[in-house]
Amino acid sequence: MAKIKIKQIGSPIRRPEAQRKMLIGLGLNKMNRIVELEATAEVLGTVAKLPHLVAVID
């Protein structure tokens, strides 16, 4: 499967608890952190729900 890099661009402060848990599930917890994950349906769906907090980089 393809890998994608995800960067946290927004702060989870004053966000719902569900969004914070999704960030932790992606392996992100601090600003400007970058993780490389498999492009599965679960990961892509989570990224789609958090467009204001994460960005896909190349």
PDB file of N, CA and C in Angstrom:
ATOM      1  N   MET A   1       0.827  -1.196   0.000  1.00  0.00           N
ATOM      2  CA  MET A   1       0.000   0.000   0.000  1.00  0.00           C
ATOM      3  C   MET A   1       0.861   1.245   0.000  1.00  0.00           C
ATOM      4  N   ALA A   2       0.252   2.315  -0.421  1.00  0.00           N
ATOM      5  CA  ALA A   2       0.965   3.591  -0.474  1.00  0.00           C
ATOM      6  C   ALA A   2       1.069   4.192   0.924  1.00  0.00           C
ATOM      7  N   LYS A   3       2.117   4.956   1.106  1.00  0.00           N
ATOM      8  CA  LYS A   3       2.308   5.664   2.376  1.00  0.00           C
ATOM      9  C   LYS A   3       2.009   7.136   2.147  1.00  0.00           C
ATOM     10  N   ILE A   4       1.471   7.783   3.171  1.00  0.00           N
ATOM     11  CA  ILE A   4       1.236   9.220   3.108  1.00  0.00           C
ATOM     12  C   ILE A   4       1.856   9.861   4.348  1.00  0.00           C
ATOM     13  N   LYS A   5       2.268  11.106   4.206  1.00  0.00           N
ATOM     14  CA  LYS A   5       2.800  11.857   5.332  1.00  0.00           C
ATOM     15  C   LYS A   5       1.741  12.841   5.774  1.00  0.00           C
ATOM     16  N   ILE A   6       1.482  12.860   7.071  1.00  0.00           N
ATOM     17  CA  ILE A   6       0.465  13.726   7.646  1.00  0.00           C
ATOM     18  C   ILE A   6       1.135  14.655   8.645  1.00  0.00           C
ATOM     19  N   LYS A   7       0.850  15.947   8.520  1.00  0.00           N
ATOM     20  CA  LYS A   7       1.433  16.949   9.404  1.00  0.00           C
ATOM     21  C   LYS A   7       0.321  17.617  10.200  1.00  0.00           C
ATOM     22  N   GLN A   8       0.545  17.784  11.489  1.00  0.00           N
ATOM     23  CA  GLN A   8      -0.433  18.486  12.328  1.00  0.00           C
ATOM     24  C   GLN A   8      -0.223  19.984  12.164  1.00  0.00           C
ATOM     25  N   ILE A   9      -1.266  20.677  11.707  1.00  0.00           N
ATOM     26  CA  ILE A   9      -1.167  22.115  11.464  1.00  0.00           C
ATOM     27  C   ILE A   9      -2.041  22.930  12.401  1.00  0.00           C
ATOM     28  N   GLY A  10      -2.877  22.269  13.202  1.00  0.00           N
ATOM     29  CA  GLY A  10      -3.759  22.974  14.117  1.00  0.00           C
ATOM     30  C   GLY A  10      -3.653  22.418  15.516  1.00  0.00           C
ATOM     31  N   SER A  11      -4.034  23.246  16.470  1.00  0.00           N
ATOM     32  CA  SER A  11      -3.965  22.851  17.870  1.00  0.00           C
ATOM     33  C   SER A  11      -5.267  22.184  18.307  1.00  0.00           C
ATOM     34  N   PRO A  12      -5.175  21.134  19.131  1.00  0.00           N
ATOM     35  CA  PRO A  12      -6.390  20.492  19.626  1.00  0.00           C
ATOM     36  C   PRO A  12      -7.028  21.230  20.811  1.00  0.00           C
ATOM     37  N   ILE A  13      -6.446  22.349  21.198  1.00  0.00           N
ATOM     38  CA  ILE A  13      -7.027  23.128  22.293  1.00  0.00           C
ATOM     39  C   ILE A  13      -8.391  23.650  21.851  1.00  0.00           C
ATOM     40  N   ARG A  14      -9.364  23.555  22.714  1.00  0.00           N
ATOM     41  CA  ARG A  14     -10.749  23.974  22.472  1.00  0.00           C
ATOM     42  C   ARG A  14     -11.411  23.200  21.340  1.00  0.00           C
ATOM     43  N   ARG A  15     -11.022  21.969  21.170  1.00  0.00           N
ATOM     44  CA  ARG A  15     -11.648  21.084  20.201  1.00  0.00           C
ATOM     45  C   ARG A  15     -12.370  19.974  20.965  1.00  0.00           C
ATOM     46  N   PRO A  16     -13.382  19.372  20.341  1.00  0.00           N
ATOM     47  CA  PRO A  16     -14.078  18.264  21.009  1.00  0.00           C
ATOM     48  C   PRO A  16     -13.130  17.103  21.327  1.00  0.00           C
ATOM     49  N   GLU A  17     -13.464  16.381  22.348  1.00  0.00           N
ATOM     50  CA  GLU A  17     -12.644  15.255  22.788  1.00  0.00           C
ATOM     51  C   GLU A  17     -12.471  14.214  21.682  1.00  0.00           C
ATOM     52  N   ALA A  18     -13.495  14.026  20.864  1.00  0.00           N
ATOM     53  CA  ALA A  18     -13.401  13.050  19.773  1.00  0.00           C
ATOM     54  C   ALA A  18     -12.306  13.436  18.783  1.00  0.00           C
ATOM     55  N   GLN A  19     -12.169  14.723  18.496  1.00  0.00           N
ATOM     56  CA  GLN A  19     -11.123  15.163  17.573  1.00  0.00           C
ATOM     57  C   GLN A  19      -9.744  14.992  18.187  1.00  0.00           C
ATOM     58  N   ARG A  20      -9.621  15.222  19.468  1.00  0.00           N
ATOM     59  CA  ARG A  20      -8.329  15.002  20.146  1.00  0.00           C
ATOM     60  C   ARG A  20      -7.929  13.539  20.069  1.00  0.00           C
ATOM     61  N   LYS A  21      -8.895  12.654  20.293  1.00  0.00           N
ATOM     62  CA  LYS A  21      -8.608  11.221  20.245  1.00  0.00           C
ATOM     63  C   LYS A  21      -8.228  10.773  18.836  1.00  0.00           C
ATOM     64  N   MET A  22      -8.844  11.386  17.813  1.00  0.00           N
ATOM     65  CA  MET A  22      -8.471  11.043  16.442  1.00  0.00           C
ATOM     66  C   MET A  22      -7.033  11.450  16.151  1.00  0.00           C
ATOM     67  N   LEU A  23      -6.608  12.609  16.659  1.00  0.00           N
ATOM     68  CA  LEU A  23      -5.216  13.029  16.468  1.00  0.00           C
ATOM     69  C   LEU A  23      -4.256  12.050  17.130  1.00  0.00           C
ATOM     70  N   ILE A  24      -4.573  11.640  18.340  1.00  0.00           N
ATOM     71  CA  ILE A  24      -3.722  10.680  19.046  1.00  0.00           C
ATOM     72  C   ILE A  24      -3.701   9.353  18.298  1.00  0.00           C
ATOM     73  N   GLY A  25      -4.835   8.956  17.739  1.00  0.00           N
ATOM     74  CA  GLY A  25      -4.907   7.729  16.948  1.00  0.00           C
ATOM     75  C   GLY A  25      -4.023   7.777  15.713  1.00  0.00           C
ATOM     76  N   LEU A  26      -3.851   8.981  15.154  1.00  0.00           N
ATOM     77  CA  LEU A  26      -2.961   9.143  14.002  1.00  0.00           C
ATOM     78  C   LEU A  26      -1.500   9.214  14.422  1.00  0.00           C
ATOM     79  N   GLY A  27      -1.247   9.328  15.722  1.00  0.00           N
ATOM     80  CA  GLY A  27       0.129   9.431  16.202  1.00  0.00           C
ATOM     81  C   GLY A  27       0.611  10.859  16.315  1.00  0.00           C
ATOM     82  N   LEU A  28      -0.311  11.802  16.344  1.00  0.00           N
ATOM     83  CA  LEU A  28       0.045  13.216  16.442  1.00  0.00           C
ATOM     84  C   LEU A  28      -0.391  13.752  17.802  1.00  0.00           C
ATOM     85  N   ASN A  29       0.413  14.654  18.366  1.00  0.00           N
ATOM     86  CA  ASN A  29       0.015  15.271  19.626  1.00  0.00           C
ATOM     87  C   ASN A  29       0.604  16.657  19.816  1.00  0.00           C
ATOM     88  N   LYS A  30       1.492  17.083  18.934  1.00  0.00           N
ATOM     89  CA  LYS A  30       2.089  18.410  19.040  1.00  0.00           C
ATOM     90  C   LYS A  30       2.125  19.054  17.665  1.00  0.00           C
ATOM     91  N   MET A  31       2.122  20.366  17.653  1.00  0.00           N
ATOM     92  CA  MET A  31       2.115  21.119  16.405  1.00  0.00           C
ATOM     93  C   MET A  31       3.341  20.786  15.549  1.00  0.00           C
ATOM     94  N   ASN A  32       3.134  20.761  14.249  1.00  0.00           N
ATOM     95  CA  ASN A  32       4.176  20.556  13.239  1.00  0.00           C
ATOM     96  C   ASN A  32       4.825  19.181  13.282  1.00  0.00           C
ATOM     97  N   ARG A  33       4.230  18.236  13.972  1.00  0.00           N
ATOM     98  CA  ARG A  33       4.730  16.863  13.936  1.00  0.00           C
ATOM     99  C   ARG A  33       4.316  16.222  12.626  1.00  0.00           C
ATOM    100  N   ILE A  34       5.146  15.340  12.113  1.00  0.00           N
ATOM    101  CA  ILE A  34       4.866  14.638  10.866  1.00  0.00           C
ATOM    102  C   ILE A  34       4.959  13.140  11.120  1.00  0.00           C
ATOM    103  N   VAL A  35       3.954  12.402  10.653  1.00  0.00           N
ATOM    104  CA  VAL A  35       3.964  10.948  10.738  1.00  0.00           C
ATOM    105  C   VAL A  35       3.746  10.381   9.342  1.00  0.00           C
ATOM    106  N   GLU A  36       4.302   9.212   9.113  1.00  0.00           N
ATOM    107  CA  GLU A  36       4.117   8.519   7.839  1.00  0.00           C
ATOM    108  C   GLU A  36       3.307   7.264   8.114  1.00  0.00           C
ATOM    109  N   LEU A  37       2.132   7.174   7.474  1.00  0.00           N
ATOM    110  CA  LEU A  37       1.218   6.065   7.713  1.00  0.00           C
ATOM    111  C   LEU A  37       0.801   5.434   6.393  1.00  0.00           C
ATOM    112  N   GLU A  38       0.311   4.200   6.488  1.00  0.00           N
ATOM    113  CA  GLU A  38      -0.266   3.532   5.321  1.00  0.00           C
ATOM    114  C   GLU A  38      -1.562   4.240   4.946  1.00  0.00           C
ATOM    115  N   ALA A  39      -1.832   4.352   3.664  1.00  0.00           N
ATOM    116  CA  ALA A  39      -3.034   5.038   3.180  1.00  0.00           C
ATOM    117  C   ALA A  39      -4.220   4.081   3.187  1.00  0.00           C
ATOM    118  N   THR A  40      -4.670   3.688   4.375  1.00  0.00           N
ATOM    119  CA  THR A  40      -5.828   2.809   4.502  1.00  0.00           C
ATOM    120  C   THR A  40      -7.100   3.651   4.544  1.00  0.00           C
ATOM    121  N   ALA A  41      -8.223   2.998   4.435  1.00  0.00           N
ATOM    122  CA  ALA A  41      -9.505   3.693   4.472  1.00  0.00           C
ATOM    123  C   ALA A  41      -9.705   4.393   5.811  1.00  0.00           C
ATOM    124  N   GLU A  42      -9.263   3.772   6.885  1.00  0.00           N
ATOM    125  CA  GLU A  42      -9.429   4.364   8.216  1.00  0.00           C
ATOM    126  C   GLU A  42      -8.623   5.648   8.356  1.00  0.00           C
ATOM    127  N   VAL A  43      -7.383   5.622   7.899  1.00  0.00           N
ATOM    128  CA  VAL A  43      -6.514   6.800   7.996  1.00  0.00           C
ATOM    129  C   VAL A  43      -7.040   7.923   7.112  1.00  0.00           C
ATOM    130  N   LEU A  44      -7.419   7.606   5.890  1.00  0.00           N
ATOM    131  CA  LEU A  44      -7.927   8.627   4.977  1.00  0.00           C
ATOM    132  C   LEU A  44      -9.241   9.228   5.478  1.00  0.00           C
ATOM    133  N   GLY A  45     -10.089   8.408   6.095  1.00  0.00           N
ATOM    134  CA  GLY A  45     -11.336   8.917   6.664  1.00  0.00           C
ATOM    135  C   GLY A  45     -11.097   9.846   7.835  1.00  0.00           C
ATOM    136  N   THR A  46     -10.128   9.502   8.658  1.00  0.00           N
ATOM    137  CA  THR A  46      -9.789  10.358   9.798  1.00  0.00           C
ATOM    138  C   THR A  46      -9.222  11.686   9.325  1.00  0.00           C
ATOM    139  N   VAL A  47      -8.362  11.651   8.324  1.00  0.00           N
ATOM    140  CA  VAL A  47      -7.793  12.886   7.769  1.00  0.00           C
ATOM    141  C   VAL A  47      -8.902  13.749   7.180  1.00  0.00           C
ATOM    142  N   ALA A  48      -9.880  13.130   6.538  1.00  0.00           N
ATOM    143  CA  ALA A  48     -10.993  13.883   5.949  1.00  0.00           C
ATOM    144  C   ALA A  48     -11.846  14.560   7.019  1.00  0.00           C
ATOM    145  N   LYS A  49     -11.915  13.969   8.210  1.00  0.00           N
ATOM    146  CA  LYS A  49     -12.698  14.568   9.296  1.00  0.00           C
ATOM    147  C   LYS A  49     -11.956  15.688  10.002  1.00  0.00           C
ATOM    148  N   LEU A  50     -10.639  15.792   9.803  1.00  0.00           N
ATOM    149  CA  LEU A  50      -9.836  16.792  10.509  1.00  0.00           C
ATOM    150  C   LEU A  50      -9.091  17.723   9.545  1.00  0.00           C
ATOM    151  N   PRO A  51      -9.751  18.285   8.539  1.00  0.00           N
ATOM    152  CA  PRO A  51      -9.005  19.116   7.582  1.00  0.00           C
ATOM    153  C   PRO A  51      -8.463  20.399   8.198  1.00  0.00           C
ATOM    154  N   HIS A  52      -9.037  20.830   9.320  1.00  0.00           N
ATOM    155  CA  HIS A  52      -8.592  22.051   9.984  1.00  0.00           C
ATOM    156  C   HIS A  52      -7.428  21.786  10.946  1.00  0.00           C
ATOM    157  N   LEU A  53      -7.106  20.513  11.185  1.00  0.00           N
ATOM    158  CA  LEU A  53      -6.033  20.179  12.123  1.00  0.00           C
ATOM    159  C   LEU A  53      -4.847  19.480  11.472  1.00  0.00           C
ATOM    160  N   VAL A  54      -5.063  18.805  10.338  1.00  0.00           N
ATOM    161  CA  VAL A  54      -3.978  18.073   9.696  1.00  0.00           C
ATOM    162  C   VAL A  54      -3.911  18.393   8.207  1.00  0.00           C
ATOM    163  N   ALA A  55      -2.727  18.164   7.623  1.00  0.00           N
ATOM    164  CA  ALA A  55      -2.527  18.338   6.183  1.00  0.00           C
ATOM    165  C   ALA A  55      -1.710  17.167   5.666  1.00  0.00           C
ATOM    166  N   VAL A  56      -2.031  16.734   4.470  1.00  0.00           N
ATOM    167  CA  VAL A  56      -1.252  15.683   3.810  1.00  0.00           C
ATOM    168  C   VAL A  56      -0.153  16.374   3.020  1.00  0.00           C
ATOM    169  N   ILE A  57       1.082  15.981   3.289  1.00  0.00           N
ATOM    170  CA  ILE A  57       2.232  16.576   2.595  1.00  0.00           C
ATOM    171  C   ILE A  57       2.883  15.518   1.731  1.00  0.00           C
ATOM    172  N   ASP A  58       3.721  15.945   0.811  1.00  0.00           N
ATOM    173  CA  ASP A  58       4.368  14.982  -0.079  1.00  0.00           C
ATOM    174  C   ASP A  58       5.757  14.650   0.351  1.00  0.00           C
TER     175      ASP A  58
END
